[in-house]
């Protein structure tokens, strides 16, 4: 018998989305997703990855909206972790939804980029790869153990232009300024529940969710102060609850000279979407391939 989701989460999903969509979300929680990976062009090539997969007897499926992403069926993570290309940093195991924020941010050469909650480094290394290691990235992580793990991943993935700061990004001096910012904010994880993995009940209370939303709001407000006028940032969470997503963005836009820009990417034609209350934002529905995820593209006005 599968574990059940927290009672409060079931109530919130019903209130926010209605019965039919809430049932669709819970069906997504109950599916075991295949392993997905991202090829790291800083360490290898797509043909080399394909050659090692073929040699290991593994098959894959392409992802139409991201040429570096691959879906590996009928195996679990350990089969890929045994490959030389994994040990050499040539692939990074990552859910497809988690690959979206860096794609929306579109890092370019010579841009200064802040990753405000970077550990364990999956999105940071993706930003480095997308810019061809030509963007100058600052990655913040306040927890020493998580920061050390992230440093290991940076070195393994060849992300050589990432500067690590073991610091709470909310404490950064406002004299800093960046061309682009990624804030993948700490959240409830309501989009990533995987009942087939036998997950235990999560601690989820209204008080905890309110505190989480308050932290997200403080971080986004800080991000908008650190973002150069006329430039863009991405706010994302692995939650599908409005109180952590649209509500946070809307509150911060009202206090800053900023606006939501519509996401423009091929992925919109392929990922399963949930209804949103803030036009231009994206909320991915959990399904057999994707975790639930929210993404907003925001520009600070000049």
Protein backbone atom coordinates (compact mmCIF):
# COMPACT_ATOMS: atom_id res chain seq x y z
CA UNK A 1 0.00 0.00 0.00
CA UNK A 2 1.36 3.42 -1.01
CA UNK A 3 1.97 6.12 1.60
CA UNK A 4 -0.58 8.94 1.58
CA UNK A 5 0.17 12.61 1.16
CA UNK A 6 -0.15 14.92 4.18
CA UNK A 7 -3.76 15.75 4.98
CA UNK A 8 -3.08 19.49 4.83
CA UNK A 9 -1.57 19.19 1.36
CA UNK A 10 -4.60 17.26 0.10
CA UNK A 11 -6.85 20.01 1.47
CA UNK A 12 -4.80 22.80 -0.10
CA UNK A 13 -4.70 21.08 -3.49
CA UNK A 14 -8.48 20.64 -3.42
CA UNK A 15 -9.01 24.28 -2.44
CA UNK A 16 -6.61 25.66 -5.03
CA UNK A 17 -7.23 23.44 -8.04
CA UNK A 18 -10.59 21.72 -7.54
CA UNK A 19 -11.28 18.01 -7.31
CA UNK A 20 -10.42 16.93 -10.85
CA UNK A 21 -7.02 18.65 -11.05
CA UNK A 22 -6.17 17.67 -7.46
CA UNK A 23 -6.75 14.04 -8.41
CA UNK A 24 -4.54 14.49 -11.49
CA UNK A 25 -1.75 15.85 -9.26
CA UNK A 26 -2.06 12.99 -6.79
CA UNK A 27 -1.93 10.51 -9.66
CA UNK A 28 1.38 12.13 -10.64
CA UNK A 29 2.68 11.61 -7.12
CA UNK A 30 1.97 7.90 -7.41
CA UNK A 31 4.00 7.22 -10.59
CA UNK A 32 7.63 6.06 -10.52
CA UNK A 33 9.44 8.35 -12.91
CA UNK A 34 12.28 7.17 -15.14
CA UNK A 35 15.79 8.44 -14.55
CA UNK A 36 16.61 11.59 -16.49
CA UNK A 37 20.00 13.18 -17.02
CA UNK A 38 21.67 16.20 -18.48
CA UNK A 39 24.78 15.89 -20.67
CA UNK A 40 27.51 18.24 -19.47
CA UNK A 41 29.25 19.72 -22.54
CA UNK A 42 32.02 21.10 -20.32
CA UNK A 43 33.23 17.50 -19.80
CA UNK A 44 32.02 15.42 -22.74
CA UNK A 45 29.87 15.27 -25.87
CA UNK A 46 26.44 13.86 -26.55
CA UNK A 47 27.86 11.17 -28.92
CA UNK A 48 30.28 10.00 -26.20
CA UNK A 49 27.42 9.67 -23.70
CA UNK A 50 25.35 7.76 -26.23
CA UNK A 51 28.29 5.44 -26.91
CA UNK A 52 28.71 4.60 -23.23
CA UNK A 53 24.97 4.05 -22.79
CA UNK A 54 24.94 1.71 -25.78
CA UNK A 55 27.96 -0.19 -24.51
CA UNK A 56 26.18 -0.66 -21.17
CA UNK A 57 23.06 -1.95 -22.94
CA UNK A 58 20.99 1.08 -21.96
CA UNK A 59 18.44 2.80 -24.16
CA UNK A 60 17.28 6.39 -24.04
CA UNK A 61 14.66 8.79 -25.27
CA UNK A 62 15.36 12.33 -26.42
CA UNK A 63 13.73 15.41 -24.88
CA UNK A 64 12.30 17.63 -27.66
CA UNK A 65 12.91 20.92 -25.84
CA UNK A 66 16.46 20.36 -24.58
CA UNK A 67 19.12 18.65 -26.65
CA UNK A 68 21.33 17.93 -23.63
CA UNK A 69 18.57 16.07 -21.73
CA UNK A 70 17.96 12.31 -21.96
CA UNK A 71 15.36 9.94 -20.49
CA UNK A 72 16.72 6.53 -19.46
CA UNK A 73 14.08 3.86 -19.01
CA UNK A 74 14.08 0.54 -17.14
CA UNK A 75 17.05 1.31 -14.87
CA UNK A 76 17.62 3.22 -11.66
CA UNK A 77 20.31 5.76 -10.78
CA UNK A 78 22.98 3.23 -9.78
CA UNK A 79 23.24 1.88 -13.34
CA UNK A 80 24.22 5.33 -14.57
CA UNK A 81 26.45 6.08 -11.61
CA UNK A 82 28.54 3.06 -12.60
CA UNK A 83 29.45 4.61 -15.97
CA UNK A 84 32.85 6.31 -16.46
CA UNK A 85 31.11 9.35 -17.94
CA UNK A 86 29.25 9.86 -14.66
CA UNK A 87 32.40 9.61 -12.56
CA UNK A 88 34.10 12.07 -14.91
CA UNK A 89 31.31 14.64 -14.56
CA UNK A 90 30.03 14.19 -18.09
CA UNK A 91 26.42 13.62 -17.00
CA UNK A 92 24.31 14.98 -14.16
CA UNK A 93 21.24 13.12 -12.93
CA UNK A 94 18.40 15.63 -12.67
CA UNK A 95 14.63 15.72 -13.11
CA UNK A 96 13.48 17.43 -16.30
CA UNK A 97 11.53 20.08 -14.39
CA UNK A 98 14.64 21.13 -12.46
CA UNK A 99 16.37 21.86 -15.78
CA UNK A 100 13.81 24.53 -16.70
CA UNK A 101 14.90 27.55 -14.59
CA UNK A 102 18.42 27.85 -16.11
CA UNK A 103 16.96 27.50 -19.60
CA UNK A 104 14.52 30.34 -18.90
CA UNK A 105 17.32 32.50 -17.44
CA UNK A 106 19.46 32.05 -20.59
CA UNK A 107 22.94 32.78 -19.19
CA UNK A 108 25.32 34.48 -21.61
CA UNK A 109 29.08 34.96 -21.78
CA UNK A 110 30.50 37.68 -19.52
CA UNK A 111 27.30 38.14 -17.54
CA UNK A 112 27.53 38.25 -13.75
CA UNK A 113 25.00 35.78 -12.35
CA UNK A 114 23.95 35.09 -8.76
CA UNK A 115 22.58 31.70 -7.75
CA UNK A 116 21.04 32.54 -4.37
CA UNK A 117 20.31 29.05 -3.00
CA UNK A 118 22.69 26.97 -5.03
CA UNK A 119 23.35 23.65 -3.27
CA UNK A 120 23.77 20.92 -4.36
CA UNK A 121 24.75 22.71 -7.56
CA UNK A 122 22.68 21.11 -10.31
CA UNK A 123 21.31 24.38 -11.64
CA UNK A 124 24.61 26.19 -11.00
CA UNK A 125 26.55 23.73 -13.14
CA UNK A 126 23.82 23.93 -15.79
CA UNK A 127 24.17 27.72 -15.88
CA UNK A 128 27.92 27.27 -16.35
CA UNK A 129 27.39 24.75 -19.14
CA UNK A 130 24.78 26.86 -20.95
CA UNK A 131 27.17 29.82 -20.97
CA UNK A 132 30.09 27.68 -22.14
CA UNK A 133 31.81 28.47 -18.84
CA UNK A 134 31.89 32.12 -19.91
CA UNK A 135 29.46 33.60 -17.36
CA UNK A 136 30.85 34.72 -14.00
CA UNK A 137 28.64 32.95 -11.45
CA UNK A 138 28.40 33.56 -7.70
CA UNK A 139 26.82 30.64 -5.82
CA UNK A 140 25.53 31.08 -2.26
CA UNK A 141 24.95 28.33 0.30
CA UNK A 142 24.84 29.01 4.03
CA UNK A 143 25.18 25.40 5.24
CA UNK A 144 28.80 24.23 5.50
CA UNK A 145 28.15 20.58 4.63
CA UNK A 146 25.95 21.47 1.66
CA UNK A 147 28.50 24.07 0.52
CA UNK A 148 31.27 21.47 0.59
CA UNK A 149 29.14 19.10 -1.47
CA UNK A 150 28.45 21.86 -3.95
CA UNK A 151 32.16 22.66 -4.24
CA UNK A 152 32.78 19.01 -5.06
CA UNK A 153 30.11 19.14 -7.79
CA UNK A 154 31.55 22.34 -9.28
CA UNK A 155 34.97 20.75 -9.61
CA UNK A 156 33.59 17.46 -10.93
CA UNK A 157 31.43 19.22 -13.53
CA UNK A 158 34.20 21.57 -14.62
CA UNK A 159 32.32 24.74 -13.67
CA UNK A 160 35.51 26.77 -13.33
CA UNK A 161 34.04 30.28 -13.24
CA UNK A 162 31.82 29.76 -10.21
CA UNK A 163 32.71 31.65 -7.05
CA UNK A 164 31.41 30.02 -3.88
CA UNK A 165 30.10 32.02 -0.94
CA UNK A 166 29.17 30.20 2.27
CA UNK A 167 26.59 32.82 3.13
CA UNK A 168 22.86 33.35 3.48
CA UNK A 169 22.05 35.30 0.32
CA UNK A 170 19.70 37.51 2.31
CA UNK A 171 22.77 38.90 4.08
CA UNK A 172 24.61 40.00 0.93
CA UNK A 173 25.48 43.68 0.82
CA UNK A 174 23.14 45.71 -1.36
CA UNK A 175 26.22 47.20 -3.04
CA UNK A 176 26.45 43.95 -5.04
CA UNK A 177 24.67 43.94 -8.40
CA UNK A 178 24.20 41.24 -11.01
CA UNK A 179 23.11 41.01 -14.63
CA UNK A 180 20.99 37.95 -13.84
CA UNK A 181 19.84 36.08 -10.73
CA UNK A 182 18.48 32.60 -10.16
CA UNK A 183 16.48 32.17 -6.98
CA UNK A 184 15.42 28.53 -6.69
CA UNK A 185 13.89 29.17 -3.32
CA UNK A 186 13.62 26.75 -0.38
CA UNK A 187 10.06 25.44 -0.36
CA UNK A 188 7.66 22.75 0.84
CA UNK A 189 8.61 20.38 -2.00
CA UNK A 190 4.91 19.85 -2.72
CA UNK A 191 5.71 19.19 -6.37
CA UNK A 192 8.30 16.48 -5.77
CA UNK A 193 6.40 13.91 -3.72
CA UNK A 194 7.13 10.42 -5.03
CA UNK A 195 4.88 7.89 -3.32
CA UNK A 196 6.38 4.95 -5.24
CA UNK A 197 9.70 5.67 -3.52
CA UNK A 198 8.02 5.00 -0.15
CA UNK A 199 8.45 8.54 1.09
CA UNK A 200 7.53 9.16 4.73
CA UNK A 201 4.99 11.78 5.72
CA UNK A 202 6.41 15.26 5.40
CA UNK A 203 6.19 17.76 8.19
CA UNK A 204 3.59 20.14 6.83
CA UNK A 205 1.62 22.57 8.95
CA UNK A 206 0.05 25.92 8.12
CA UNK A 207 2.52 27.65 10.42
CA UNK A 208 5.48 26.00 8.66
CA UNK A 209 4.11 26.89 5.22
CA UNK A 210 3.61 30.51 6.31
CA UNK A 211 7.19 30.68 7.57
CA UNK A 212 8.43 29.15 4.31
CA UNK A 213 6.52 31.73 2.27
CA UNK A 214 7.96 34.50 4.47
CA UNK A 215 11.49 33.24 3.77
CA UNK A 216 10.77 33.10 0.04
CA UNK A 217 9.41 36.64 0.10
CA UNK A 218 12.49 37.96 1.91
CA UNK A 219 14.80 36.23 -0.56
CA UNK A 220 12.93 37.51 -3.61
CA UNK A 221 12.87 41.05 -2.25
CA UNK A 222 16.63 40.79 -1.75
CA UNK A 223 17.10 39.44 -5.26
CA UNK A 224 15.26 42.40 -6.76
CA UNK A 225 17.53 44.79 -4.87
CA UNK A 226 20.64 42.98 -6.17
CA UNK A 227 19.44 42.77 -9.78
CA UNK A 228 20.66 45.48 -12.12
CA UNK A 229 17.85 47.72 -13.47
CA UNK A 230 16.65 46.57 -16.88
CA UNK A 231 17.83 43.00 -16.28
CA UNK A 232 16.11 39.68 -15.61
CA UNK A 233 15.95 37.03 -12.92
CA UNK A 234 14.14 33.72 -12.43
CA UNK A 235 12.20 32.79 -9.31
CA UNK A 236 11.43 29.08 -9.03
CA UNK A 237 10.30 26.49 -6.49
CA UNK A 238 9.59 22.77 -6.53
CA UNK A 239 6.19 23.58 -5.05
CA UNK A 240 2.79 23.74 -6.74
CA UNK A 241 1.12 25.75 -3.96
CA UNK A 242 0.06 29.28 -4.90
CA UNK A 243 1.09 30.65 -1.50
CA UNK A 244 4.73 29.81 -2.31
CA UNK A 245 4.56 30.85 -5.93
CA UNK A 246 2.25 33.46 -7.45
CA UNK A 247 1.42 34.98 -4.07
CA UNK A 248 5.11 35.52 -3.26
CA UNK A 249 5.89 36.98 -6.68
CA UNK A 250 2.84 39.23 -6.65
CA UNK A 251 3.69 40.56 -3.19
CA UNK A 252 7.26 41.37 -4.21
CA UNK A 253 6.31 42.99 -7.51
CA UNK A 254 4.05 45.35 -5.60
CA UNK A 255 7.01 46.51 -3.50
CA UNK A 256 9.59 46.79 -6.28
CA UNK A 257 9.78 48.36 -9.70
CA UNK A 258 9.56 44.98 -11.43
CA UNK A 259 7.35 42.99 -13.78
CA UNK A 260 6.72 39.41 -14.88
CA UNK A 261 7.81 38.62 -18.42
CA UNK A 262 6.20 35.73 -20.32
CA UNK A 263 8.37 32.63 -20.61
CA UNK A 264 9.42 32.09 -24.20
CA UNK A 265 10.71 28.59 -24.81
CA UNK A 266 9.87 25.48 -26.80
CA UNK A 267 9.31 23.57 -23.56
CA UNK A 268 5.91 25.24 -23.12
CA UNK A 269 4.60 23.05 -25.95
CA UNK A 270 5.64 19.86 -24.16
CA UNK A 271 5.49 20.06 -20.35
CA UNK A 272 2.19 19.39 -18.51
CA UNK A 273 0.92 22.59 -16.98
CA UNK A 274 -1.28 23.58 -14.06
CA UNK A 275 -3.43 26.73 -14.10
CA UNK A 276 -1.75 29.84 -12.69
CA UNK A 277 -3.20 33.09 -11.40
CA UNK A 278 -0.29 35.29 -12.51
CA UNK A 279 -0.10 35.52 -16.32
CA UNK A 280 3.27 34.62 -17.81
CA UNK A 281 4.33 32.24 -15.05
CA UNK A 282 4.61 28.46 -15.40
CA UNK A 283 3.54 25.71 -13.02
CA UNK A 284 4.46 22.18 -14.12
CA UNK A 285 2.09 19.39 -13.11
CA UNK A 286 3.60 16.24 -11.60
CA UNK A 287 3.25 13.35 -14.05
CA UNK A 288 5.09 10.24 -15.24
CA UNK A 289 8.05 12.34 -16.45
CA UNK A 290 8.05 15.62 -14.51
CA UNK A 291 8.13 16.82 -10.93
CA UNK A 292 5.86 19.70 -10.02
CA UNK A 293 7.69 23.00 -10.46
CA UNK A 294 6.98 26.73 -10.60
CA UNK A 295 8.95 29.24 -12.69
CA UNK A 296 8.58 33.01 -13.04
CA UNK A 297 10.69 35.25 -15.26
CA UNK A 298 10.98 38.71 -13.72
CA UNK A 299 12.56 41.96 -14.97
CA UNK A 300 13.54 44.89 -12.81
CA UNK A 301 12.42 48.00 -14.64
CA UNK A 302 14.89 50.80 -15.40
